[in-house]
Amino acid sequence: MIPVGLNHFLILSAILFSLGIFGIATRKNAIMILMSIELILNSANINFVAFSKFNGFNIDGQIAALFVIILAAAEVAIALAIVLNIYQNYKHIDVDEIDNLKE
């Protein structure tokens, strides 16, 4: 059985981060962009917890991950309200076609 080390967590985090960046760069749907942002935040959480575990079991990484989870929940609540407002006004959520939000 292969022991799971810090490198395994960092590789997983890098893969999730790369998928999140790819999703932000290629998607036009606002919901998919929000999901990609969540992938990036989850990759940061994996890094926080992994460094905390392999650095003497400090609680600092878990506390930072908890703050990131709270930030992600607030981001989702606000972003979904914005997406619903965009859909109500434009009847679609393609971010490339929305150019005037001043109304």
PDB file of N, CA and C in Angstrom:
ATOM      1  N   MET A   1       0.842  -1.177   0.000  1.00  0.00           N
ATOM      2  CA  MET A   1       0.000   0.000   0.000  1.00  0.00           C
ATOM      3  C   MET A   1       0.887   1.239   0.000  1.00  0.00           C
ATOM      4  N   ILE A   2       0.579   2.185  -0.873  1.00  0.00           N
ATOM      5  CA  ILE A   2       1.377   3.398  -1.013  1.00  0.00           C
ATOM      6  C   ILE A   2       0.937   4.408   0.050  1.00  0.00           C
ATOM      7  N   PRO A   3       1.875   4.917   0.838  1.00  0.00           N
ATOM      8  CA  PRO A   3       1.485   5.949   1.812  1.00  0.00           C
ATOM      9  C   PRO A   3       1.172   7.267   1.102  1.00  0.00           C
ATOM     10  N   VAL A   4       0.127   7.908   1.561  1.00  0.00           N
ATOM     11  CA  VAL A   4      -0.292   9.174   0.963  1.00  0.00           C
ATOM     12  C   VAL A   4       0.508  10.286   1.611  1.00  0.00           C
ATOM     13  N   GLY A   5       1.264  11.005   0.807  1.00  0.00           N
ATOM     14  CA  GLY A   5       2.101  12.075   1.315  1.00  0.00           C
ATOM     15  C   GLY A   5       1.616  13.447   0.850  1.00  0.00           C
ATOM     16  N   LEU A   6       2.407  14.429   1.158  1.00  0.00           N
ATOM     17  CA  LEU A   6       2.063  15.806   0.811  1.00  0.00           C
ATOM     18  C   LEU A   6       2.006  15.994  -0.698  1.00  0.00           C
ATOM     19  N   ASN A   7       2.888  15.327  -1.427  1.00  0.00           N
ATOM     20  CA  ASN A   7       2.902  15.477  -2.884  1.00  0.00           C
ATOM     21  C   ASN A   7       1.590  15.027  -3.526  1.00  0.00           C
ATOM     22  N   HIS A   8       0.974  14.000  -2.980  1.00  0.00           N
ATOM     23  CA  HIS A   8      -0.302  13.527  -3.523  1.00  0.00           C
ATOM     24  C   HIS A   8      -1.384  14.594  -3.367  1.00  0.00           C
ATOM     25  N   PHE A   9      -1.420  15.231  -2.216  1.00  0.00           N
ATOM     26  CA  PHE A   9      -2.400  16.287  -1.993  1.00  0.00           C
ATOM     27  C   PHE A   9      -2.133  17.486  -2.902  1.00  0.00           C
ATOM     28  N   LEU A  10      -0.866  17.820  -3.083  1.00  0.00           N
ATOM     29  CA  LEU A  10      -0.530  18.962  -3.930  1.00  0.00           C
ATOM     30  C   LEU A  10      -0.853  18.683  -5.393  1.00  0.00           C
ATOM     31  N   ILE A  11      -0.645  17.465  -5.840  1.00  0.00           N
ATOM     32  CA  ILE A  11      -0.987  17.108  -7.214  1.00  0.00           C
ATOM     33  C   ILE A  11      -2.500  17.166  -7.414  1.00  0.00           C
ATOM     34  N   LEU A  12      -3.259  16.626  -6.464  1.00  0.00           N
ATOM     35  CA  LEU A  12      -4.718  16.697  -6.547  1.00  0.00           C
ATOM     36  C   LEU A  12      -5.196  18.146  -6.563  1.00  0.00           C
ATOM     37  N   SER A  13      -4.606  18.967  -5.726  1.00  0.00           N
ATOM     38  CA  SER A  13      -4.980  20.370  -5.667  1.00  0.00           C
ATOM     39  C   SER A  13      -4.637  21.085  -6.972  1.00  0.00           C
ATOM     40  N   ALA A  14      -3.489  20.774  -7.558  1.00  0.00           N
ATOM     41  CA  ALA A  14      -3.104  21.393  -8.826  1.00  0.00           C
ATOM     42  C   ALA A  14      -4.050  20.980  -9.951  1.00  0.00           C
ATOM     43  N   ILE A  15      -4.491  19.734  -9.940  1.00  0.00           N
ATOM     44  CA  ILE A  15      -5.436  19.270 -10.960  1.00  0.00           C
ATOM     45  C   ILE A  15      -6.774  19.997 -10.811  1.00  0.00           C
ATOM     46  N   LEU A  16      -7.267  20.104  -9.580  1.00  0.00           N
ATOM     47  CA  LEU A  16      -8.532  20.822  -9.356  1.00  0.00           C
ATOM     48  C   LEU A  16      -8.416  22.291  -9.743  1.00  0.00           C
ATOM     49  N   PHE A  17      -7.293  22.914  -9.394  1.00  0.00           N
ATOM     50  CA  PHE A  17      -7.083  24.321  -9.737  1.00  0.00           C
ATOM     51  C   PHE A  17      -7.046  24.500 -11.257  1.00  0.00           C
ATOM     52  N   SER A  18      -6.360  23.602 -11.947  1.00  0.00           N
ATOM     53  CA  SER A  18      -6.272  23.686 -13.405  1.00  0.00           C
ATOM     54  C   SER A  18      -7.640  23.507 -14.058  1.00  0.00           C
ATOM     55  N   LEU A  19      -8.425  22.571 -13.552  1.00  0.00           N
ATOM     56  CA  LEU A  19      -9.774  22.382 -14.081  1.00  0.00           C
ATOM     57  C   LEU A  19     -10.643  23.621 -13.835  1.00  0.00           C
ATOM     58  N   GLY A  20     -10.467  24.247 -12.678  1.00  0.00           N
ATOM     59  CA  GLY A  20     -11.221  25.469 -12.387  1.00  0.00           C
ATOM     60  C   GLY A  20     -10.849  26.609 -13.309  1.00  0.00           C
ATOM     61  N   ILE A  21      -9.559  26.804 -13.545  1.00  0.00           N
ATOM     62  CA  ILE A  21      -9.117  27.857 -14.459  1.00  0.00           C
ATOM     63  C   ILE A  21      -9.601  27.568 -15.881  1.00  0.00           C
ATOM     64  N   PHE A  22      -9.514  26.298 -16.291  1.00  0.00           N
ATOM     65  CA  PHE A  22     -10.007  25.917 -17.616  1.00  0.00           C
ATOM     66  C   PHE A  22     -11.497  26.195 -17.737  1.00  0.00           C
ATOM     67  N   GLY A  23     -12.254  25.894 -16.697  1.00  0.00           N
ATOM     68  CA  GLY A  23     -13.691  26.139 -16.721  1.00  0.00           C
ATOM     69  C   GLY A  23     -14.032  27.616 -16.800  1.00  0.00           C
ATOM     70  N   ILE A  24     -13.273  28.445 -16.100  1.00  0.00           N
ATOM     71  CA  ILE A  24     -13.526  29.885 -16.158  1.00  0.00           C
ATOM     72  C   ILE A  24     -13.180  30.431 -17.538  1.00  0.00           C
ATOM     73  N   ALA A  25     -12.102  29.945 -18.114  1.00  0.00           N
ATOM     74  CA  ALA A  25     -11.641  30.472 -19.396  1.00  0.00           C
ATOM     75  C   ALA A  25     -12.504  30.030 -20.573  1.00  0.00           C
ATOM     76  N   THR A  26     -13.134  28.870 -20.490  1.00  0.00           N
ATOM     77  CA  THR A  26     -13.828  28.339 -21.661  1.00  0.00           C
ATOM     78  C   THR A  26     -15.341  28.400 -21.588  1.00  0.00           C
ATOM     79  N   ARG A  27     -15.923  28.552 -20.441  1.00  0.00           N
ATOM     80  CA  ARG A  27     -17.376  28.510 -20.323  1.00  0.00           C
ATOM     81  C   ARG A  27     -17.996  29.881 -20.515  1.00  0.00           C
ATOM     82  N   LYS A  28     -19.201  29.893 -21.082  1.00  0.00           N
ATOM     83  CA  LYS A  28     -19.957  31.121 -21.229  1.00  0.00           C
ATOM     84  C   LYS A  28     -21.137  31.172 -20.270  1.00  0.00           C
ATOM     85  N   ASN A  29     -21.488  30.038 -19.707  1.00  0.00           N
ATOM     86  CA  ASN A  29     -22.619  29.944 -18.797  1.00  0.00           C
ATOM     87  C   ASN A  29     -22.183  30.404 -17.406  1.00  0.00           C
ATOM     88  N   ALA A  30     -22.948  31.279 -16.796  1.00  0.00           N
ATOM     89  CA  ALA A  30     -22.579  31.840 -15.502  1.00  0.00           C
ATOM     90  C   ALA A  30     -22.561  30.778 -14.399  1.00  0.00           C
ATOM     91  N   ILE A  31     -23.444  29.802 -14.469  1.00  0.00           N
ATOM     92  CA  ILE A  31     -23.478  28.743 -13.460  1.00  0.00           C
ATOM     93  C   ILE A  31     -22.213  27.900 -13.529  1.00  0.00           C
ATOM     94  N   MET A  32     -21.757  27.591 -14.730  1.00  0.00           N
ATOM     95  CA  MET A  32     -20.530  26.806 -14.888  1.00  0.00           C
ATOM     96  C   MET A  32     -19.308  27.590 -14.411  1.00  0.00           C
ATOM     97  N   ILE A  33     -19.318  28.892 -14.600  1.00  0.00           N
ATOM     98  CA  ILE A  33     -18.220  29.714 -14.098  1.00  0.00           C
ATOM     99  C   ILE A  33     -18.206  29.697 -12.576  1.00  0.00           C
ATOM    100  N   LEU A  34     -19.373  29.762 -11.955  1.00  0.00           N
ATOM    101  CA  LEU A  34     -19.449  29.683 -10.492  1.00  0.00           C
ATOM    102  C   LEU A  34     -18.954  28.331  -9.985  1.00  0.00           C
ATOM    103  N   MET A  35     -19.282  27.264 -10.702  1.00  0.00           N
ATOM    104  CA  MET A  35     -18.796  25.943 -10.300  1.00  0.00           C
ATOM    105  C   MET A  35     -17.273  25.860 -10.439  1.00  0.00           C
ATOM    106  N   SER A  36     -16.724  26.512 -11.440  1.00  0.00           N
ATOM    107  CA  SER A  36     -15.274  26.525 -11.619  1.00  0.00           C
ATOM    108  C   SER A  36     -14.590  27.308 -10.496  1.00  0.00           C
ATOM    109  N   ILE A  37     -15.210  28.380 -10.059  1.00  0.00           N
ATOM    110  CA  ILE A  37     -14.660  29.140  -8.929  1.00  0.00           C
ATOM    111  C   ILE A  37     -14.677  28.282  -7.668  1.00  0.00           C
ATOM    112  N   GLU A  38     -15.728  27.496  -7.497  1.00  0.00           N
ATOM    113  CA  GLU A  38     -15.787  26.592  -6.349  1.00  0.00           C
ATOM    114  C   GLU A  38     -14.672  25.545  -6.405  1.00  0.00           C
ATOM    115  N   LEU A  39     -14.344  25.057  -7.604  1.00  0.00           N
ATOM    116  CA  LEU A  39     -13.223  24.124  -7.733  1.00  0.00           C
ATOM    117  C   LEU A  39     -11.911  24.767  -7.293  1.00  0.00           C
ATOM    118  N   ILE A  40     -11.716  26.017  -7.665  1.00  0.00           N
ATOM    119  CA  ILE A  40     -10.493  26.720  -7.273  1.00  0.00           C
ATOM    120  C   ILE A  40     -10.442  26.899  -5.757  1.00  0.00           C
ATOM    121  N   LEU A  41     -11.563  27.258  -5.151  1.00  0.00           N
ATOM    122  CA  LEU A  41     -11.590  27.419  -3.698  1.00  0.00           C
ATOM    123  C   LEU A  41     -11.369  26.088  -2.978  1.00  0.00           C
ATOM    124  N   ASN A  42     -11.910  25.002  -3.528  1.00  0.00           N
ATOM    125  CA  ASN A  42     -11.690  23.688  -2.923  1.00  0.00           C
ATOM    126  C   ASN A  42     -10.236  23.249  -3.052  1.00  0.00           C
ATOM    127  N   SER A  43      -9.576  23.614  -4.136  1.00  0.00           N
ATOM    128  CA  SER A  43      -8.156  23.282  -4.253  1.00  0.00           C
ATOM    129  C   SER A  43      -7.339  24.046  -3.212  1.00  0.00           C
ATOM    130  N   ALA A  44      -7.730  25.272  -2.933  1.00  0.00           N
ATOM    131  CA  ALA A  44      -7.048  26.023  -1.875  1.00  0.00           C
ATOM    132  C   ALA A  44      -7.283  25.368  -0.516  1.00  0.00           C
ATOM    133  N   ASN A  45      -8.494  24.884  -0.274  1.00  0.00           N
ATOM    134  CA  ASN A  45      -8.787  24.189   0.988  1.00  0.00           C
ATOM    135  C   ASN A  45      -7.943  22.934   1.145  1.00  0.00           C
ATOM    136  N   ILE A  46      -7.779  22.181   0.069  1.00  0.00           N
ATOM    137  CA  ILE A  46      -6.938  20.981   0.138  1.00  0.00           C
ATOM    138  C   ILE A  46      -5.517  21.358   0.514  1.00  0.00           C
ATOM    139  N   ASN A  47      -5.004  22.433  -0.071  1.00  0.00           N
ATOM    140  CA  ASN A  47      -3.652  22.888   0.282  1.00  0.00           C
ATOM    141  C   ASN A  47      -3.560  23.293   1.744  1.00  0.00           C
ATOM    142  N   PHE A  48      -4.526  24.059   2.231  1.00  0.00           N
ATOM    143  CA  PHE A  48      -4.497  24.488   3.631  1.00  0.00           C
ATOM    144  C   PHE A  48      -4.479  23.308   4.585  1.00  0.00           C
ATOM    145  N   VAL A  49      -5.365  22.353   4.347  1.00  0.00           N
ATOM    146  CA  VAL A  49      -5.460  21.205   5.248  1.00  0.00           C
ATOM    147  C   VAL A  49      -4.239  20.300   5.126  1.00  0.00           C
ATOM    148  N   ALA A  50      -3.729  20.117   3.910  1.00  0.00           N
ATOM    149  CA  ALA A  50      -2.560  19.253   3.717  1.00  0.00           C
ATOM    150  C   ALA A  50      -1.326  19.848   4.382  1.00  0.00           C
ATOM    151  N   PHE A  51      -1.101  21.141   4.188  1.00  0.00           N
ATOM    152  CA  PHE A  51       0.049  21.766   4.839  1.00  0.00           C
ATOM    153  C   PHE A  51      -0.106  21.771   6.352  1.00  0.00           C
ATOM    154  N   SER A  52      -1.328  21.897   6.820  1.00  0.00           N
ATOM    155  CA  SER A  52      -1.567  21.847   8.256  1.00  0.00           C
ATOM    156  C   SER A  52      -1.267  20.454   8.809  1.00  0.00           C
ATOM    157  N   LYS A  53      -1.655  19.424   8.071  1.00  0.00           N
ATOM    158  CA  LYS A  53      -1.437  18.051   8.527  1.00  0.00           C
ATOM    159  C   LYS A  53       0.044  17.689   8.539  1.00  0.00           C
ATOM    160  N   PHE A  54       0.753  18.081   7.498  1.00  0.00           N
ATOM    161  CA  PHE A  54       2.152  17.686   7.390  1.00  0.00           C
ATOM    162  C   PHE A  54       3.106  18.700   8.013  1.00  0.00           C
ATOM    163  N   ASN A  55       2.572  19.681   8.704  1.00  0.00           N
ATOM    164  CA  ASN A  55       3.405  20.673   9.375  1.00  0.00           C
ATOM    165  C   ASN A  55       3.158  20.654  10.876  1.00  0.00           C
ATOM    166  N   GLY A  56       3.106  19.494  11.462  1.00  0.00           N
ATOM    167  CA  GLY A  56       2.983  19.382  12.909  1.00  0.00           C
ATOM    168  C   GLY A  56       1.573  19.435  13.439  1.00  0.00           C
ATOM    169  N   PHE A  57       0.571  19.165  12.611  1.00  0.00           N
ATOM    170  CA  PHE A  57      -0.835  19.128  13.026  1.00  0.00           C
ATOM    171  C   PHE A  57      -1.291  20.425  13.689  1.00  0.00           C
ATOM    172  N   ASN A  58      -0.917  21.530  13.084  1.00  0.00           N
ATOM    173  CA  ASN A  58      -1.434  22.815  13.553  1.00  0.00           C
ATOM    174  C   ASN A  58      -2.899  22.928  13.185  1.00  0.00           C
ATOM    175  N   ILE A  59      -3.608  23.751  13.906  1.00  0.00           N
ATOM    176  CA  ILE A  59      -5.018  23.973  13.625  1.00  0.00           C
ATOM    177  C   ILE A  59      -5.185  25.136  12.648  1.00  0.00           C
ATOM    178  N   ASP A  60      -4.099  25.821  12.313  1.00  0.00           N
ATOM    179  CA  ASP A  60      -4.187  27.006  11.452  1.00  0.00           C
ATOM    180  C   ASP A  60      -4.747  26.690  10.073  1.00  0.00           C
ATOM    181  N   GLY A  61      -4.344  25.586   9.479  1.00  0.00           N
ATOM    182  CA  GLY A  61      -4.840  25.218   8.155  1.00  0.00           C
ATOM    183  C   GLY A  61      -6.325  24.926   8.150  1.00  0.00           C
ATOM    184  N   GLN A  62      -6.805  24.258   9.191  1.00  0.00           N
ATOM    185  CA  GLN A  62      -8.234  23.966   9.271  1.00  0.00           C
ATOM    186  C   GLN A  62      -9.043  25.243   9.470  1.00  0.00           C
ATOM    187  N   ILE A  63      -8.514  26.176  10.238  1.00  0.00           N
ATOM    188  CA  ILE A  63      -9.209  27.447  10.445  1.00  0.00           C
ATOM    189  C   ILE A  63      -9.255  28.242   9.151  1.00  0.00           C
ATOM    190  N   ALA A  64      -8.152  28.263   8.402  1.00  0.00           N
ATOM    191  CA  ALA A  64      -8.139  28.952   7.111  1.00  0.00           C
ATOM    192  C   ALA A  64      -9.113  28.296   6.142  1.00  0.00           C
ATOM    193  N   ALA A  65      -9.170  26.964   6.148  1.00  0.00           N
ATOM    194  CA  ALA A  65     -10.109  26.253   5.278  1.00  0.00           C
ATOM    195  C   ALA A  65     -11.551  26.565   5.665  1.00  0.00           C
ATOM    196  N   LEU A  66     -11.820  26.690   6.950  1.00  0.00           N
ATOM    197  CA  LEU A  66     -13.163  27.049   7.401  1.00  0.00           C
ATOM    198  C   LEU A  66     -13.556  28.437   6.911  1.00  0.00           C
ATOM    199  N   PHE A  67     -12.623  29.383   6.955  1.00  0.00           N
ATOM    200  CA  PHE A  67     -12.907  30.724   6.443  1.00  0.00           C
ATOM    201  C   PHE A  67     -13.146  30.697   4.934  1.00  0.00           C
ATOM    202  N   VAL A  68     -12.415  29.866   4.218  1.00  0.00           N
ATOM    203  CA  VAL A  68     -12.631  29.747   2.772  1.00  0.00           C
ATOM    204  C   VAL A  68     -14.004  29.143   2.492  1.00  0.00           C
ATOM    205  N   ILE A  69     -14.432  28.184   3.282  1.00  0.00           N
ATOM    206  CA  ILE A  69     -15.767  27.594   3.112  1.00  0.00           C
ATOM    207  C   ILE A  69     -16.848  28.642   3.373  1.00  0.00           C
ATOM    208  N   ILE A  70     -16.660  29.463   4.397  1.00  0.00           N
ATOM    209  CA  ILE A  70     -17.620  30.540   4.686  1.00  0.00           C
ATOM    210  C   ILE A  70     -17.638  31.548   3.541  1.00  0.00           C
ATOM    211  N   LEU A  71     -16.464  31.881   3.025  1.00  0.00           N
ATOM    212  CA  LEU A  71     -16.373  32.795   1.890  1.00  0.00           C
ATOM    213  C   LEU A  71     -17.064  32.206   0.663  1.00  0.00           C
ATOM    214  N   ALA A  72     -16.899  30.922   0.423  1.00  0.00           N
ATOM    215  CA  ALA A  72     -17.531  30.268  -0.721  1.00  0.00           C
ATOM    216  C   ALA A  72     -19.048  30.275  -0.582  1.00  0.00           C
ATOM    217  N   ALA A  73     -19.560  30.065   0.626  1.00  0.00           N
ATOM    218  CA  ALA A  73     -21.007  30.087   0.838  1.00  0.00           C
ATOM    219  C   ALA A  73     -21.567  31.486   0.573  1.00  0.00           C
ATOM    220  N   ALA A  74     -20.872  32.507   1.037  1.00  0.00           N
ATOM    221  CA  ALA A  74     -21.315  33.875   0.788  1.00  0.00           C
ATOM    222  C   ALA A  74     -21.235  34.206  -0.700  1.00  0.00           C
ATOM    223  N   GLU A  75     -20.178  33.739  -1.351  1.00  0.00           N
ATOM    224  CA  GLU A  75     -20.014  33.986  -2.785  1.00  0.00           C
ATOM    225  C   GLU A  75     -21.130  33.337  -3.580  1.00  0.00           C
ATOM    226  N   VAL A  76     -21.498  32.132  -3.217  1.00  0.00           N
ATOM    227  CA  VAL A  76     -22.567  31.427  -3.927  1.00  0.00           C
ATOM    228  C   VAL A  76     -23.900  32.146  -3.727  1.00  0.00           C
ATOM    229  N   ALA A  77     -24.182  32.583  -2.531  1.00  0.00           N
ATOM    230  CA  ALA A  77     -25.453  33.259  -2.262  1.00  0.00           C
ATOM    231  C   ALA A  77     -25.562  34.552  -3.066  1.00  0.00           C
ATOM    232  N   ILE A  78     -24.521  35.348  -3.072  1.00  0.00           N
ATOM    233  CA  ILE A  78     -24.553  36.618  -3.798  1.00  0.00           C
ATOM    234  C   ILE A  78     -24.537  36.384  -5.304  1.00  0.00           C
ATOM    235  N   ALA A  79     -23.687  35.475  -5.757  1.00  0.00           N
ATOM    236  CA  ALA A  79     -23.571  35.227  -7.192  1.00  0.00           C
ATOM    237  C   ALA A  79     -24.849  34.632  -7.767  1.00  0.00           C
ATOM    238  N   LEU A  80     -25.494  33.734  -7.043  1.00  0.00           N
ATOM    239  CA  LEU A  80     -26.751  33.177  -7.548  1.00  0.00           C
ATOM    240  C   LEU A  80     -27.854  34.232  -7.591  1.00  0.00           C
ATOM    241  N   ALA A  81     -27.839  35.159  -6.652  1.00  0.00           N
ATOM    242  CA  ALA A  81     -28.806  36.259  -6.711  1.00  0.00           C
ATOM    243  C   ALA A  81     -28.559  37.118  -7.949  1.00  0.00           C
ATOM    244  N   ILE A  82     -27.305  37.360  -8.265  1.00  0.00           N
ATOM    245  CA  ILE A  82     -26.975  38.131  -9.469  1.00  0.00           C
ATOM    246  C   ILE A  82     -27.375  37.362 -10.719  1.00  0.00           C
ATOM    247  N   VAL A  83     -27.098  36.063 -10.752  1.00  0.00           N
ATOM    248  CA  VAL A  83     -27.455  35.250 -11.918  1.00  0.00           C
ATOM    249  C   VAL A  83     -28.967  35.221 -12.105  1.00  0.00           C
ATOM    250  N   LEU A  84     -29.723  35.082 -11.032  1.00  0.00           N
ATOM    251  CA  LEU A  84     -31.181  35.089 -11.147  1.00  0.00           C
ATOM    252  C   LEU A  84     -31.699  36.432 -11.649  1.00  0.00           C
ATOM    253  N   ASN A  85     -31.071  37.501 -11.213  1.00  0.00           N
ATOM    254  CA  ASN A  85     -31.460  38.830 -11.688  1.00  0.00           C
ATOM    255  C   ASN A  85     -31.127  38.986 -13.170  1.00  0.00           C
ATOM    256  N   ILE A  86     -29.986  38.482 -13.589  1.00  0.00           N
ATOM    257  CA  ILE A  86     -29.624  38.532 -15.013  1.00  0.00           C
ATOM    258  C   ILE A  86     -30.616  37.716 -15.835  1.00  0.00           C
ATOM    259  N   TYR A  87     -30.967  36.544 -15.358  1.00  0.00           N
ATOM    260  CA  TYR A  87     -31.920  35.701 -16.090  1.00  0.00           C
ATOM    261  C   TYR A  87     -33.290  36.363 -16.171  1.00  0.00           C
ATOM    262  N   GLN A  88     -33.686  37.019 -15.105  1.00  0.00           N
ATOM    263  CA  GLN A  88     -34.988  37.688 -15.102  1.00  0.00           C
ATOM    264  C   GLN A  88     -35.022  38.824 -16.127  1.00  0.00           C
ATOM    265  N   ASN A  89     -33.900  39.527 -16.295  1.00  0.00           N
ATOM    266  CA  ASN A  89     -33.869  40.657 -17.224  1.00  0.00           C
ATOM    267  C   ASN A  89     -33.596  40.250 -18.662  1.00  0.00           C
ATOM    268  N   TYR A  90     -32.728  39.256 -18.879  1.00  0.00           N
ATOM    269  CA  TYR A  90     -32.278  38.928 -20.228  1.00  0.00           C
ATOM    270  C   TYR A  90     -32.792  37.582 -20.745  1.00  0.00           C
ATOM    271  N   LYS A  91     -33.367  36.757 -19.907  1.00  0.00           N
ATOM    272  CA  LYS A  91     -33.883  35.429 -20.260  1.00  0.00           C
ATOM    273  C   LYS A  91     -32.801  34.455 -20.715  1.00  0.00           C
ATOM    274  N   HIS A  92     -31.548  34.715 -20.363  1.00  0.00           N
ATOM    275  CA  HIS A  92     -30.436  33.786 -20.576  1.00  0.00           C
ATOM    276  C   HIS A  92     -29.323  34.164 -19.600  1.00  0.00           C
ATOM    277  N   ILE A  93     -28.344  33.275 -19.456  1.00  0.00           N
ATOM    278  CA  ILE A  93     -27.250  33.548 -18.510  1.00  0.00           C
ATOM    279  C   ILE A  93     -25.886  33.423 -19.180  1.00  0.00           C
ATOM    280  N   ASP A  94     -25.833  33.666 -20.488  1.00  0.00           N
ATOM    281  CA  ASP A  94     -24.551  33.687 -21.183  1.00  0.00           C
ATOM    282  C   ASP A  94     -23.836  34.990 -20.861  1.00  0.00           C
ATOM    283  N   VAL A  95     -22.660  34.891 -20.272  1.00  0.00           N
ATOM    284  CA  VAL A  95     -21.966  36.083 -19.806  1.00  0.00           C
ATOM    285  C   VAL A  95     -21.378  36.902 -20.947  1.00  0.00           C
ATOM    286  N   ASP A  96     -21.178  36.309 -22.122  1.00  0.00           N
ATOM    287  CA  ASP A  96     -20.645  37.065 -23.251  1.00  0.00           C
ATOM    288  C   ASP A  96     -21.678  38.016 -23.848  1.00  0.00           C
ATOM    289  N   GLU A  97     -22.936  37.683 -23.719  1.00  0.00           N
ATOM    290  CA  GLU A  97     -23.996  38.499 -24.332  1.00  0.00           C
ATOM    291  C   GLU A  97     -24.536  39.582 -23.389  1.00  0.00           C
ATOM    292  N   ILE A  98     -24.077  39.597 -22.164  1.00  0.00           N
ATOM    293  CA  ILE A  98     -24.557  40.587 -21.207  1.00  0.00           C
ATOM    294  C   ILE A  98     -23.523  41.708 -21.150  1.00  0.00           C
ATOM    295  N   ASP A  99     -23.901  42.852 -21.723  1.00  0.00           N
ATOM    296  CA  ASP A  99     -22.937  43.941 -21.791  1.00  0.00           C
ATOM    297  C   ASP A  99     -23.375  45.197 -21.052  1.00  0.00           C
ATOM    298  N   ASN A 100     -24.651  45.315 -20.754  1.00  0.00           N
ATOM    299  CA  ASN A 100     -25.103  46.500 -20.035  1.00  0.00           C
ATOM    300  C   ASN A 100     -25.877  46.083 -18.785  1.00  0.00           C
ATOM    301  N   LEU A 101     -25.260  46.218 -17.646  1.00  0.00           N
ATOM    302  CA  LEU A 101     -25.908  45.874 -16.378  1.00  0.00           C
ATOM    303  C   LEU A 101     -26.292  47.120 -15.582  1.00  0.00           C
ATOM    304  N   LYS A 102     -26.210  48.295 -16.197  1.00  0.00           N
ATOM    305  CA  LYS A 102     -26.490  49.524 -15.487  1.00  0.00           C
ATOM    306  C   LYS A 102     -27.974  49.775 -15.306  1.00  0.00           C
ATOM    307  N   GLU A 103     -28.806  49.090 -16.067  1.00  0.00           N
ATOM    308  CA  GLU A 103     -30.253  49.349 -16.020  1.00  0.00           C
ATOM    309  C   GLU A 103     -30.878  48.935 -14.732  1.00  0.00           C
TER     310      GLU A 103
END
